[in-house]
């Protein structure tokens, strides 16, 4: 009995030692992996800095400028070609910088840097971002006020608009663009994930299972309008037409005091009334011309008594 207990104790200690050894080995392995990853990243950064310094010596451009172009997705050969010509290359470098600024507008610097590291070039990222921004703007215009709230299906568009994340849309458009057949088709699928609670990672891993779940959830929400790029544009056009019709109705409902011929902004003007007649009309009988001449002669004749002319007496 005592020997069995000792054997059992030895076995337990041996198992414990094995477990401890595995934990230590696993920890050392992880530490070694992280160390190797860090060392590899540091080595890549050092190689990039060394290459930038060499190109700087050959072209006269600064290493900061060269690394900026490299981080924007250009290869070392493209950078060399870009920097070979003086004034022409300056214009191209300015265009590259503007492209980087446009690419980073609306996207975080970390997102852009990561996409560039994954091998996507500046033009691809900018194209995907512009498409995604257009759809985000349309969703905002469609759901931003209460004009179209009479349509119960607008709620599904509002839920999608609230969940729309630009950086996620851009990433999936780049990752699945070739597999699905274009960036806009990927964006349509991204809208479906927001509407039906799906994940494009599942599409990437198992397309068939993903599509089965999608069809099932569409049947569960059969009364909802499906949120797609085409449907967003259709409903937005409908909203614009409704607003235009409302403005026309308001214009026709203008006050009746506006003249028909005068047009909007010209009010009716009453014609002036004639002057009232004079209660004491003047004598308008014409004067005898002969009598008038005789009166003038008498006034200038000095031989006549002035008193007589006036009709007075002494």
Protein backbone atom coordinates (compact mmCIF):
# COMPACT_ATOMS: atom_id res chain seq x y z
CA UNK A 1 0.00 0.00 0.00
CA UNK A 2 2.79 2.43 0.87
CA UNK A 3 4.71 1.56 -2.28
CA UNK A 4 1.53 2.27 -4.36
CA UNK A 5 1.17 5.70 -2.76
CA UNK A 6 4.78 6.49 -3.52
CA UNK A 7 4.34 5.41 -7.13
CA UNK A 8 1.19 7.53 -7.43
CA UNK A 9 3.03 10.53 -5.97
CA UNK A 10 5.91 10.08 -8.42
CA UNK A 11 3.50 9.94 -11.35
CA UNK A 12 1.70 13.11 -10.18
CA UNK A 13 4.97 14.99 -9.79
CA UNK A 14 6.10 13.84 -13.24
CA UNK A 15 2.83 15.03 -14.84
CA UNK A 16 3.11 18.38 -13.08
CA UNK A 17 6.67 18.81 -14.30
CA UNK A 18 5.59 18.04 -17.85
CA UNK A 19 2.78 20.61 -17.67
CA UNK A 20 5.10 23.26 -16.26
CA UNK A 21 7.63 22.53 -18.97
CA UNK A 22 4.95 22.94 -21.65
CA UNK A 23 3.82 26.29 -20.22
CA UNK A 24 7.41 27.52 -20.07
CA UNK A 25 8.09 26.31 -23.60
CA UNK A 26 4.90 27.95 -24.92
CA UNK A 27 5.76 31.25 -23.23
CA UNK A 28 9.28 31.15 -24.58
CA UNK A 29 7.96 30.33 -28.04
CA UNK A 30 5.52 33.28 -27.99
CA UNK A 31 8.22 35.59 -26.71
CA UNK A 32 10.52 34.39 -29.45
CA UNK A 33 7.76 34.94 -32.08
CA UNK A 34 7.07 38.49 -30.89
CA UNK A 35 10.77 39.13 -30.76
CA UNK A 36 11.19 37.85 -34.30
CA UNK A 37 8.20 39.91 -35.51
CA UNK A 38 9.55 43.04 -33.90
CA UNK A 39 13.00 42.34 -35.27
CA UNK A 40 11.56 41.72 -38.73
CA UNK A 41 9.60 45.00 -38.63
CA UNK A 42 12.64 46.89 -37.41
CA UNK A 43 14.73 45.31 -40.16
CA UNK A 44 12.19 46.35 -42.80
CA UNK A 45 12.13 49.91 -41.48
CA UNK A 46 15.94 49.96 -41.49
CA UNK A 47 16.03 48.66 -45.06
CA UNK A 48 13.53 51.31 -46.16
CA UNK A 49 15.55 54.07 -44.48
CA UNK A 50 18.75 52.77 -46.09
CA UNK A 51 17.14 52.64 -49.55
CA UNK A 52 15.68 56.13 -49.09
CA UNK A 53 19.14 57.43 -48.18
CA UNK A 54 20.65 55.88 -51.31
CA UNK A 55 17.96 57.41 -53.54
CA UNK A 56 18.42 60.72 -51.78
CA UNK A 57 22.12 60.70 -52.66
CA UNK A 58 21.33 59.96 -56.30
CA UNK A 59 18.46 62.42 -56.82
CA UNK A 60 18.96 65.16 -54.24
CA UNK A 61 15.49 64.65 -52.73
CA UNK A 62 15.22 64.39 -48.95
CA UNK A 63 14.82 61.02 -47.28
CA UNK A 64 11.58 62.24 -45.67
CA UNK A 65 10.13 63.03 -49.08
CA UNK A 66 11.23 59.66 -50.46
CA UNK A 67 9.74 57.75 -47.52
CA UNK A 68 6.53 59.72 -47.91
CA UNK A 69 6.25 58.53 -51.51
CA UNK A 70 7.12 54.98 -50.46
CA UNK A 71 4.47 54.97 -47.74
CA UNK A 72 1.97 56.26 -50.32
CA UNK A 73 2.33 52.93 -52.12
CA UNK A 74 4.97 53.68 -54.76
CA UNK A 75 7.70 51.14 -55.44
CA UNK A 76 11.38 52.09 -55.25
CA UNK A 77 11.65 51.93 -59.05
CA UNK A 78 8.62 54.23 -59.43
CA UNK A 79 10.16 56.67 -56.97
CA UNK A 80 13.43 56.66 -58.89
CA UNK A 81 11.59 57.39 -62.16
CA UNK A 82 9.57 60.09 -60.45
CA UNK A 83 12.62 61.88 -59.09
CA UNK A 84 14.81 61.68 -62.18
CA UNK A 85 13.37 64.82 -63.84
CA UNK A 86 13.47 68.12 -61.97
CA UNK A 87 10.44 70.37 -62.54
CA UNK A 88 8.27 67.65 -64.08
CA UNK A 89 8.83 65.36 -61.13
CA UNK A 90 7.98 68.17 -58.71
CA UNK A 91 4.55 68.47 -60.29
CA UNK A 92 4.07 64.72 -60.05
CA UNK A 93 5.18 64.72 -56.44
CA UNK A 94 2.67 67.47 -55.71
CA UNK A 95 -0.04 65.39 -57.35
CA UNK A 96 0.99 62.42 -55.23
CA UNK A 97 0.78 64.51 -52.08
CA UNK A 98 -2.65 65.80 -53.07
CA UNK A 99 -3.71 62.23 -53.73
CA UNK A 100 -2.52 61.18 -50.30
CA UNK A 101 -4.40 64.09 -48.70
CA UNK A 102 -7.57 63.16 -50.59
CA UNK A 103 -7.13 59.52 -49.66
CA UNK A 104 -6.78 60.37 -45.96
CA UNK A 105 -9.83 62.67 -45.90
CA UNK A 106 -12.54 60.72 -44.11
CA UNK A 107 -10.21 57.83 -43.32
CA UNK A 108 -7.89 57.60 -40.35
CA UNK A 109 -4.15 57.65 -40.91
CA UNK A 110 -3.90 54.17 -39.38
CA UNK A 111 -6.45 52.80 -41.88
CA UNK A 112 -4.64 54.30 -44.87
CA UNK A 113 -1.24 53.11 -43.64
CA UNK A 114 -2.53 49.58 -43.10
CA UNK A 115 -4.16 49.42 -46.55
CA UNK A 116 -0.93 50.59 -48.16
CA UNK A 117 1.03 47.97 -46.27
CA UNK A 118 -1.40 45.32 -47.49
CA UNK A 119 -0.43 46.21 -51.05
CA UNK A 120 -3.30 48.43 -52.20
CA UNK A 121 -2.18 51.48 -54.15
CA UNK A 122 -3.29 55.05 -53.71
CA UNK A 123 -5.62 55.06 -56.75
CA UNK A 124 -7.49 51.97 -55.54
CA UNK A 125 -8.01 53.36 -52.06
CA UNK A 126 -9.17 56.74 -53.38
CA UNK A 127 -11.61 55.14 -55.85
CA UNK A 128 -13.16 52.95 -53.15
CA UNK A 129 -13.40 55.88 -50.75
CA UNK A 130 -15.16 58.13 -53.27
CA UNK A 131 -17.76 55.44 -54.06
CA UNK A 132 -18.40 54.79 -50.37
CA UNK A 133 -18.65 58.52 -49.60
CA UNK A 134 -21.21 58.98 -52.36
CA UNK A 135 -23.45 56.26 -50.91
CA UNK A 136 -23.01 57.58 -47.35
CA UNK A 137 -24.08 61.05 -48.57
CA UNK A 138 -27.12 59.64 -50.38
CA UNK A 139 -28.21 57.75 -47.26
CA UNK A 140 -27.87 60.94 -45.21
CA UNK A 141 -29.92 62.94 -47.72
CA UNK A 142 -32.57 60.23 -47.84
CA UNK A 143 -32.98 59.83 -44.08
CA UNK A 144 -31.92 63.24 -42.79
CA UNK A 145 -35.41 64.79 -42.41
CA UNK A 146 -39.03 63.80 -42.08
CA UNK A 147 -40.15 64.52 -45.65
CA UNK A 148 -40.27 60.86 -46.66
CA UNK A 149 -41.30 59.44 -43.29
CA UNK A 150 -44.72 58.70 -44.78
CA UNK A 151 -43.01 55.69 -46.38
CA UNK A 152 -42.68 53.01 -43.69
CA UNK A 153 -39.78 51.38 -45.57
CA UNK A 154 -37.60 54.40 -44.87
CA UNK A 155 -36.82 52.90 -41.47
CA UNK A 156 -34.72 50.14 -43.02
CA UNK A 157 -32.65 52.78 -44.83
CA UNK A 158 -32.26 54.74 -41.61
CA UNK A 159 -30.95 51.68 -39.74
CA UNK A 160 -28.42 51.03 -42.49
CA UNK A 161 -27.33 54.68 -42.48
CA UNK A 162 -26.72 54.57 -38.72
CA UNK A 163 -24.47 51.49 -39.05
CA UNK A 164 -22.56 52.58 -42.17
CA UNK A 165 -18.80 52.86 -41.45
CA UNK A 166 -16.73 54.37 -44.23
CA UNK A 167 -13.46 52.61 -43.39
CA UNK A 168 -15.17 49.18 -43.24
CA UNK A 169 -16.87 49.76 -46.60
CA UNK A 170 -13.59 50.82 -48.21
CA UNK A 171 -11.68 47.84 -46.81
CA UNK A 172 -14.21 45.27 -48.02
CA UNK A 173 -14.43 46.90 -51.44
CA UNK A 174 -10.69 46.45 -51.80
CA UNK A 175 -10.54 42.95 -50.31
CA UNK A 176 -13.49 41.42 -52.20
CA UNK A 177 -13.55 43.59 -55.34
CA UNK A 178 -12.03 40.91 -57.56
CA UNK A 179 -13.90 38.00 -55.96
CA UNK A 180 -17.38 39.55 -56.31
CA UNK A 181 -16.85 41.41 -59.56
CA UNK A 182 -16.38 45.07 -58.75
CA UNK A 183 -16.36 47.58 -55.93
CA UNK A 184 -20.02 48.59 -56.29
CA UNK A 185 -21.17 44.96 -56.06
CA UNK A 186 -19.13 44.60 -52.87
CA UNK A 187 -20.73 47.77 -51.50
CA UNK A 188 -24.17 46.34 -52.28
CA UNK A 189 -23.24 43.25 -50.29
CA UNK A 190 -21.92 45.40 -47.44
CA UNK A 191 -25.30 47.16 -47.28
CA UNK A 192 -26.96 43.73 -47.04
CA UNK A 193 -24.80 42.82 -44.05
CA UNK A 194 -25.96 45.98 -42.27
CA UNK A 195 -29.61 45.30 -43.06
CA UNK A 196 -29.68 41.59 -42.23
CA UNK A 197 -27.03 41.37 -39.51
CA UNK A 198 -24.45 39.47 -41.56
CA UNK A 199 -20.65 39.56 -41.76
CA UNK A 200 -18.60 39.69 -44.93
CA UNK A 201 -15.92 37.68 -43.17
CA UNK A 202 -18.36 34.75 -43.32
CA UNK A 203 -18.81 35.40 -47.05
CA UNK A 204 -15.05 35.26 -47.45
CA UNK A 205 -14.75 32.01 -45.51
CA UNK A 206 -17.85 30.14 -46.73
CA UNK A 207 -19.86 31.85 -49.45
CA UNK A 208 -22.51 29.13 -49.72
CA UNK A 209 -23.33 29.11 -46.00
CA UNK A 210 -23.38 32.92 -46.01
CA UNK A 211 -25.86 33.06 -48.90
CA UNK A 212 -28.15 30.50 -47.23
CA UNK A 213 -28.33 32.61 -44.06
CA UNK A 214 -28.90 35.74 -46.11
CA UNK A 215 -31.85 34.24 -48.02
CA UNK A 216 -33.40 33.00 -44.78
CA UNK A 217 -33.22 36.45 -43.18
CA UNK A 218 -34.60 38.10 -46.30
CA UNK A 219 -37.64 35.84 -46.05
CA UNK A 220 -38.06 36.80 -42.40
CA UNK A 221 -38.16 40.48 -43.42
CA UNK A 222 -40.12 40.06 -46.60
CA UNK A 223 -42.12 43.26 -46.03
CA UNK A 224 -39.00 45.43 -45.86
CA UNK A 225 -37.56 47.14 -48.93
CA UNK A 226 -34.13 45.75 -49.74
CA UNK A 227 -31.42 48.39 -49.28
CA UNK A 228 -29.28 48.43 -52.41
CA UNK A 229 -27.41 51.10 -54.36
CA UNK A 230 -30.15 51.16 -57.02
CA UNK A 231 -32.93 51.42 -54.44
CA UNK A 232 -31.17 54.24 -52.60
CA UNK A 233 -30.88 56.24 -55.82
CA UNK A 234 -34.50 55.52 -56.76
CA UNK A 235 -35.91 56.64 -53.43
CA UNK A 236 -33.68 59.71 -53.36
CA UNK A 237 -34.94 60.71 -56.82
CA UNK A 238 -38.51 60.17 -55.62
CA UNK A 239 -37.87 62.41 -52.63
CA UNK A 240 -36.46 65.19 -54.84
CA UNK A 241 -39.51 64.99 -57.12
CA UNK A 242 -41.85 65.24 -54.12
CA UNK A 243 -40.05 68.32 -52.85
CA UNK A 244 -40.23 69.96 -56.30
CA UNK A 245 -43.97 69.27 -56.54
CA UNK A 246 -44.49 70.77 -53.09
CA UNK A 247 -42.65 73.93 -54.11
CA UNK A 248 -44.81 74.23 -57.24
CA UNK A 249 -47.98 73.79 -55.15
CA UNK A 250 -46.83 76.52 -52.77
CA UNK A 251 -46.18 78.84 -55.72
CA UNK A 252 -49.69 78.29 -57.13
CA UNK A 253 -51.22 78.91 -53.70
CA UNK A 254 -49.94 82.55 -53.66
CA UNK A 255 -52.26 85.40 -52.41
CA UNK A 256 -55.00 86.55 -54.85
CA UNK A 257 -53.79 90.18 -54.64
CA UNK A 258 -51.02 89.28 -57.14
CA UNK A 259 -51.93 90.44 -60.62
CA UNK A 260 -52.24 87.88 -63.38
CA UNK A 261 -50.31 89.92 -65.90
CA UNK A 262 -48.00 91.67 -63.51
CA UNK A 263 -46.52 88.47 -62.25
CA UNK A 264 -45.24 87.59 -58.78
CA UNK A 265 -44.10 90.59 -56.79
CA UNK A 266 -46.25 93.15 -58.70
CA UNK A 267 -49.29 94.22 -56.67
CA UNK A 268 -52.40 95.79 -58.25
CA UNK A 269 -52.41 99.62 -58.42
CA UNK A 270 -55.78 101.49 -58.46
CA UNK A 271 -56.10 104.24 -61.19
CA UNK A 272 -56.26 107.87 -59.86
CA UNK A 273 -59.74 109.46 -59.39
CA UNK A 274 -60.69 112.71 -61.24
CA UNK A 275 -60.63 116.04 -59.30
CA UNK A 276 -64.01 117.19 -57.87
CA UNK A 277 -65.74 120.13 -59.67
CA UNK A 278 -65.14 123.73 -58.41
CA UNK A 279 -68.26 124.97 -56.51
CA UNK A 280 -67.57 128.64 -57.61
CA UNK A 281 -66.75 128.50 -61.28
CA UNK A 282 -65.01 131.57 -62.78
CA UNK A 283 -66.51 133.69 -65.60
CA UNK A 284 -65.05 132.36 -68.75
CA UNK A 285 -66.83 134.94 -71.08
CA UNK A 286 -64.27 136.17 -73.67
CA UNK A 287 -63.07 139.86 -73.42
CA UNK A 288 -64.00 142.34 -76.23
CA UNK A 289 -60.66 143.15 -78.01
CA UNK A 290 -61.77 146.71 -79.07
CA UNK A 291 -62.78 147.65 -75.58
CA UNK A 292 -59.48 146.39 -74.21
CA UNK A 293 -57.50 148.58 -76.67
CA UNK A 294 -59.47 151.73 -75.79
CA UNK A 295 -58.79 151.19 -72.10
CA UNK A 296 -55.05 151.02 -72.74
CA UNK A 297 -55.11 154.27 -74.83
CA UNK A 298 -56.96 156.17 -72.13
CA UNK A 299 -54.39 155.06 -69.54
CA UNK A 300 -51.45 156.55 -71.47
CA UNK A 301 -53.21 159.85 -72.57
CA UNK A 302 -51.89 162.71 -70.25
CA UNK A 303 -54.69 165.15 -71.24
CA UNK A 304 -57.34 163.07 -69.60
CA UNK A 305 -58.13 163.66 -65.96
CA UNK A 306 -56.72 160.78 -64.01
CA UNK A 307 -59.62 161.01 -61.68
CA UNK A 308 -62.05 160.66 -64.52
CA UNK A 309 -60.21 157.65 -65.76
CA UNK A 310 -60.63 156.08 -62.43
CA UNK A 311 -64.24 157.28 -62.25
CA UNK A 312 -63.57 159.57 -59.20
CA UNK A 313 -64.95 163.15 -58.68
CA UNK A 314 -63.26 166.27 -57.26
